[in-house]
Amino acid sequence: MALVYQDPFEQLQAELERMLDAAFGPAGPSRLYPPVNVFDAGDAYVVKAEVPGVSPDRIDIDVEDDTLTIRGERAVSEPNREAAYHRRERGSGQFRRVVRIPGRLASDEVKAEYRDGVLTVRLPKAKEARPRRVQIEAA
């Protein structure tokens, strides 16, 4: 059975979102933007964030201690002012997503890649936090 780390700050954010949905109605699958997946790849944590339509030069990534911050701006081309919307679900504007990582990081080795609207941030674990194989000596 795999252990799943649940960040208390994300749990709080999800609970606040649930209460807002109950009070004002749902605004879609999630108010958190960008949506992320975080997983442990052995020697590093990997964060994948969906940021379609956002140019990589409009995204800033900061790593401090055990916290990854993704900031940027999503611009949506608007029709002229006389256009009448029938549905408007795509948001625009500045965004900021803070993700706590469940371990110590080697922040000077962080790498990021953007492909097909997905930002992938690889956060190597600190040397002392990486798994290592221990050789057994037989007497």
C-alpha atoms as a PDB file:
ATOM      1  CA  MET A   1       0.000   0.000   0.000  1.00  0.00           C
ATOM      2  CA  ALA A   2       1.399   3.403  -0.984  1.00  0.00           C
ATOM      3  CA  LEU A   3       1.358   6.242   1.512  1.00  0.00           C
ATOM      4  CA  VAL A   4      -0.123   9.447   0.172  1.00  0.00           C
ATOM      5  CA  TYR A   5       1.017  12.762   1.609  1.00  0.00           C
ATOM      6  CA  GLN A   6      -1.870  15.156   2.129  1.00  0.00           C
ATOM      7  CA  ASP A   7      -0.773  18.748   2.513  1.00  0.00           C
ATOM      8  CA  PRO A   8      -2.815  20.410   5.292  1.00  0.00           C
ATOM      9  CA  PHE A   9      -2.772  23.739   3.421  1.00  0.00           C
ATOM     10  CA  GLU A  10      -4.243  22.146   0.301  1.00  0.00           C
ATOM     11  CA  GLN A  11      -6.799  20.362   2.470  1.00  0.00           C
ATOM     12  CA  LEU A  12      -7.772  23.737   3.969  1.00  0.00           C
ATOM     13  CA  GLN A  13      -7.955  25.290   0.505  1.00  0.00           C
ATOM     14  CA  ALA A  14     -10.183  22.440  -0.718  1.00  0.00           C
ATOM     15  CA  GLU A  15     -12.458  22.792   2.338  1.00  0.00           C
ATOM     16  CA  LEU A  16     -12.797  26.548   1.754  1.00  0.00           C
ATOM     17  CA  GLU A  17     -13.616  25.847  -1.878  1.00  0.00           C
ATOM     18  CA  ARG A  18     -16.277  23.334  -0.815  1.00  0.00           C
ATOM     19  CA  MET A  19     -17.859  25.909   1.536  1.00  0.00           C
ATOM     20  CA  LEU A  20     -17.851  28.591  -1.185  1.00  0.00           C
ATOM     21  CA  ASP A  21     -19.472  26.141  -3.603  1.00  0.00           C
ATOM     22  CA  ALA A  22     -22.159  25.385  -1.009  1.00  0.00           C
ATOM     23  CA  ALA A  23     -22.799  29.113  -0.450  1.00  0.00           C
ATOM     24  CA  PHE A  24     -22.565  30.456  -4.008  1.00  0.00           C
ATOM     25  CA  GLY A  25     -22.805  27.423  -6.286  1.00  0.00           C
ATOM     26  CA  PRO A  26     -20.016  25.528  -8.014  1.00  0.00           C
ATOM     27  CA  ALA A  27     -17.697  27.430 -10.327  1.00  0.00           C
ATOM     28  CA  GLY A  28     -16.339  24.370 -12.099  1.00  0.00           C
ATOM     29  CA  PRO A  29     -14.281  21.372 -11.092  1.00  0.00           C
ATOM     30  CA  SER A  30     -11.743  23.416  -9.140  1.00  0.00           C
ATOM     31  CA  ARG A  31     -10.877  27.008  -8.341  1.00  0.00           C
ATOM     32  CA  LEU A  32      -7.229  26.082  -7.826  1.00  0.00           C
ATOM     33  CA  TYR A  33      -5.163  27.165 -10.802  1.00  0.00           C
ATOM     34  CA  PRO A  34      -3.108  25.745 -12.210  1.00  0.00           C
ATOM     35  CA  PRO A  35      -4.162  22.196 -11.349  1.00  0.00           C
ATOM     36  CA  VAL A  36      -1.140  20.127 -10.310  1.00  0.00           C
ATOM     37  CA  ASN A  37      -0.039  16.554  -9.748  1.00  0.00           C
ATOM     38  CA  VAL A  38       2.840  15.979  -7.313  1.00  0.00           C
ATOM     39  CA  PHE A  39       4.627  12.650  -7.118  1.00  0.00           C
ATOM     40  CA  ASP A  40       7.755  11.094  -5.682  1.00  0.00           C
ATOM     41  CA  ALA A  41      10.083   9.787  -8.410  1.00  0.00           C
ATOM     42  CA  GLY A  42      12.641   8.290  -6.014  1.00  0.00           C
ATOM     43  CA  ASP A  43      15.490  10.786  -6.206  1.00  0.00           C
ATOM     44  CA  ALA A  44      13.206  13.788  -6.837  1.00  0.00           C
ATOM     45  CA  TYR A  45       9.697  15.121  -6.445  1.00  0.00           C
ATOM     46  CA  VAL A  46       7.963  16.008  -9.691  1.00  0.00           C
ATOM     47  CA  VAL A  47       5.238  18.620 -10.066  1.00  0.00           C
ATOM     48  CA  LYS A  48       3.190  18.713 -13.254  1.00  0.00           C
ATOM     49  CA  ALA A  49       1.012  21.794 -13.724  1.00  0.00           C
ATOM     50  CA  GLU A  50      -1.502  22.362 -16.518  1.00  0.00           C
ATOM     51  CA  VAL A  51      -1.020  25.840 -17.973  1.00  0.00           C
ATOM     52  CA  PRO A  52      -2.395  25.662 -21.528  1.00  0.00           C
ATOM     53  CA  GLY A  53      -2.171  28.842 -23.515  1.00  0.00           C
ATOM     54  CA  VAL A  54       0.340  30.415 -21.131  1.00  0.00           C
ATOM     55  CA  SER A  55       3.659  31.294 -22.705  1.00  0.00           C
ATOM     56  CA  PRO A  56       6.634  29.906 -20.734  1.00  0.00           C
ATOM     57  CA  ASP A  57       8.151  33.402 -20.542  1.00  0.00           C
ATOM     58  CA  ARG A  58       5.024  34.500 -18.587  1.00  0.00           C
ATOM     59  CA  ILE A  59       5.627  31.887 -15.853  1.00  0.00           C
ATOM     60  CA  ASP A  60       7.864  32.360 -12.786  1.00  0.00           C
ATOM     61  CA  ILE A  61       8.964  29.502 -10.550  1.00  0.00           C
ATOM     62  CA  ASP A  62      10.381  30.002  -7.053  1.00  0.00           C
ATOM     63  CA  VAL A  63      11.611  27.349  -4.633  1.00  0.00           C
ATOM     64  CA  GLU A  64      12.182  28.211  -0.991  1.00  0.00           C
ATOM     65  CA  ASP A  65      12.784  25.523   1.636  1.00  0.00           C
ATOM     66  CA  ASP A  66      10.007  22.965   0.992  1.00  0.00           C
ATOM     67  CA  THR A  67       7.711  25.266  -0.990  1.00  0.00           C
ATOM     68  CA  LEU A  68       7.289  25.619  -4.755  1.00  0.00           C
ATOM     69  CA  THR A  69       5.530  28.736  -6.032  1.00  0.00           C
ATOM     70  CA  ILE A  70       4.283  28.983  -9.613  1.00  0.00           C
ATOM     71  CA  ARG A  71       3.212  32.465 -10.758  1.00  0.00           C
ATOM     72  CA  GLY A  72       2.120  33.728 -14.103  1.00  0.00           C
ATOM     73  CA  GLU A  73      -0.478  35.405 -16.184  1.00  0.00           C
ATOM     74  CA  ARG A  74      -3.010  33.860 -18.506  1.00  0.00           C
ATOM     75  CA  ALA A  75      -4.327  36.139 -21.222  1.00  0.00           C
ATOM     76  CA  VAL A  76      -7.408  35.214 -23.220  1.00  0.00           C
ATOM     77  CA  SER A  77      -8.085  37.126 -26.400  1.00  0.00           C
ATOM     78  CA  GLU A  78     -11.410  38.875 -25.996  1.00  0.00           C
ATOM     79  CA  PRO A  79     -13.938  39.582 -28.738  1.00  0.00           C
ATOM     80  CA  ASN A  80     -14.993  43.171 -29.276  1.00  0.00           C
ATOM     81  CA  ARG A  81     -17.063  44.784 -26.535  1.00  0.00           C
ATOM     82  CA  GLU A  82     -20.361  44.364 -28.410  1.00  0.00           C
ATOM     83  CA  ALA A  83     -20.076  40.567 -28.442  1.00  0.00           C
ATOM     84  CA  ALA A  84     -22.627  38.783 -26.265  1.00  0.00           C
ATOM     85  CA  TYR A  85     -21.273  35.785 -24.406  1.00  0.00           C
ATOM     86  CA  HIS A  86     -23.402  32.652 -24.313  1.00  0.00           C
ATOM     87  CA  ARG A  87     -20.946  30.871 -22.035  1.00  0.00           C
ATOM     88  CA  ARG A  88     -17.797  32.146 -20.378  1.00  0.00           C
ATOM     89  CA  GLU A  89     -15.713  29.558 -18.541  1.00  0.00           C
ATOM     90  CA  ARG A  90     -12.124  30.415 -19.473  1.00  0.00           C
ATOM     91  CA  GLY A  91     -10.583  32.745 -16.961  1.00  0.00           C
ATOM     92  CA  SER A  92      -7.742  35.150 -17.492  1.00  0.00           C
ATOM     93  CA  GLY A  93      -5.444  37.184 -15.325  1.00  0.00           C
ATOM     94  CA  GLN A  94      -2.662  36.555 -12.882  1.00  0.00           C
ATOM     95  CA  PHE A  95      -2.343  33.280 -11.022  1.00  0.00           C
ATOM     96  CA  ARG A  96      -0.263  31.974  -8.146  1.00  0.00           C
ATOM     97  CA  ARG A  97      -0.108  28.400  -6.919  1.00  0.00           C
ATOM     98  CA  VAL A  98       1.871  27.408  -3.837  1.00  0.00           C
ATOM     99  CA  VAL A  99       2.707  23.720  -3.383  1.00  0.00           C
ATOM    100  CA  ARG A 100       4.366  22.345  -0.272  1.00  0.00           C
ATOM    101  CA  ILE A 101       6.720  19.474  -0.983  1.00  0.00           C
ATOM    102  CA  PRO A 102       6.841  16.709   1.670  1.00  0.00           C
ATOM    103  CA  GLY A 103      10.635  16.508   1.954  1.00  0.00           C
ATOM    104  CA  ARG A 104      13.938  18.369   1.868  1.00  0.00           C
ATOM    105  CA  LEU A 105      15.065  19.633  -1.525  1.00  0.00           C
ATOM    106  CA  ALA A 106      18.303  20.391  -3.330  1.00  0.00           C
ATOM    107  CA  SER A 107      16.866  23.706  -4.554  1.00  0.00           C
ATOM    108  CA  ASP A 108      19.977  24.589  -6.592  1.00  0.00           C
ATOM    109  CA  GLU A 109      19.315  21.559  -8.862  1.00  0.00           C
ATOM    110  CA  VAL A 110      15.659  22.286  -9.740  1.00  0.00           C
ATOM    111  CA  LYS A 111      14.784  22.018 -13.438  1.00  0.00           C
ATOM    112  CA  ALA A 112      11.618  23.010 -15.299  1.00  0.00           C
ATOM    113  CA  GLU A 113      10.294  22.053 -18.724  1.00  0.00           C
ATOM    114  CA  TYR A 114       7.242  23.246 -20.650  1.00  0.00           C
ATOM    115  CA  ARG A 115       5.677  21.050 -23.322  1.00  0.00           C
ATOM    116  CA  ASP A 116       2.170  20.943 -24.802  1.00  0.00           C
ATOM    117  CA  GLY A 117       0.693  23.185 -22.109  1.00  0.00           C
ATOM    118  CA  VAL A 118       2.153  21.175 -19.226  1.00  0.00           C
ATOM    119  CA  LEU A 119       4.828  22.620 -16.960  1.00  0.00           C
ATOM    120  CA  THR A 120       6.986  19.899 -15.372  1.00  0.00           C
ATOM    121  CA  VAL A 121       9.161  20.908 -12.422  1.00  0.00           C
ATOM    122  CA  ARG A 122      11.687  18.348 -11.172  1.00  0.00           C
ATOM    123  CA  LEU A 123      12.755  19.038  -7.585  1.00  0.00           C
ATOM    124  CA  PRO A 124      15.683  16.784  -6.600  1.00  0.00           C
ATOM    125  CA  LYS A 125      15.708  15.612  -3.013  1.00  0.00           C
ATOM    126  CA  ALA A 126      18.514  16.767  -0.731  1.00  0.00           C
ATOM    127  CA  LYS A 127      21.345  14.217  -0.735  1.00  0.00           C
ATOM    128  CA  GLU A 128      20.576  13.054   2.798  1.00  0.00           C
ATOM    129  CA  ALA A 129      16.880  12.575   1.925  1.00  0.00           C
ATOM    130  CA  ARG A 130      17.448  10.403  -1.151  1.00  0.00           C
ATOM    131  CA  PRO A 131      16.864   6.690  -0.813  1.00  0.00           C
ATOM    132  CA  ARG A 132      20.026   4.629  -0.840  1.00  0.00           C
ATOM    133  CA  ARG A 133      20.747   0.952  -0.872  1.00  0.00           C
ATOM    134  CA  VAL A 134      22.595  -0.443   2.096  1.00  0.00           C
ATOM    135  CA  GLN A 135      24.935  -3.365   1.524  1.00  0.00           C
ATOM    136  CA  ILE A 136      24.631  -6.192   4.031  1.00  0.00           C
ATOM    137  CA  GLU A 137      27.866  -7.734   5.183  1.00  0.00           C
ATOM    138  CA  ALA A 138      27.765 -11.386   6.138  1.00  0.00           C
ATOM    139  CA  ALA A 139      30.091 -12.578   8.887  1.00  0.00           C
END
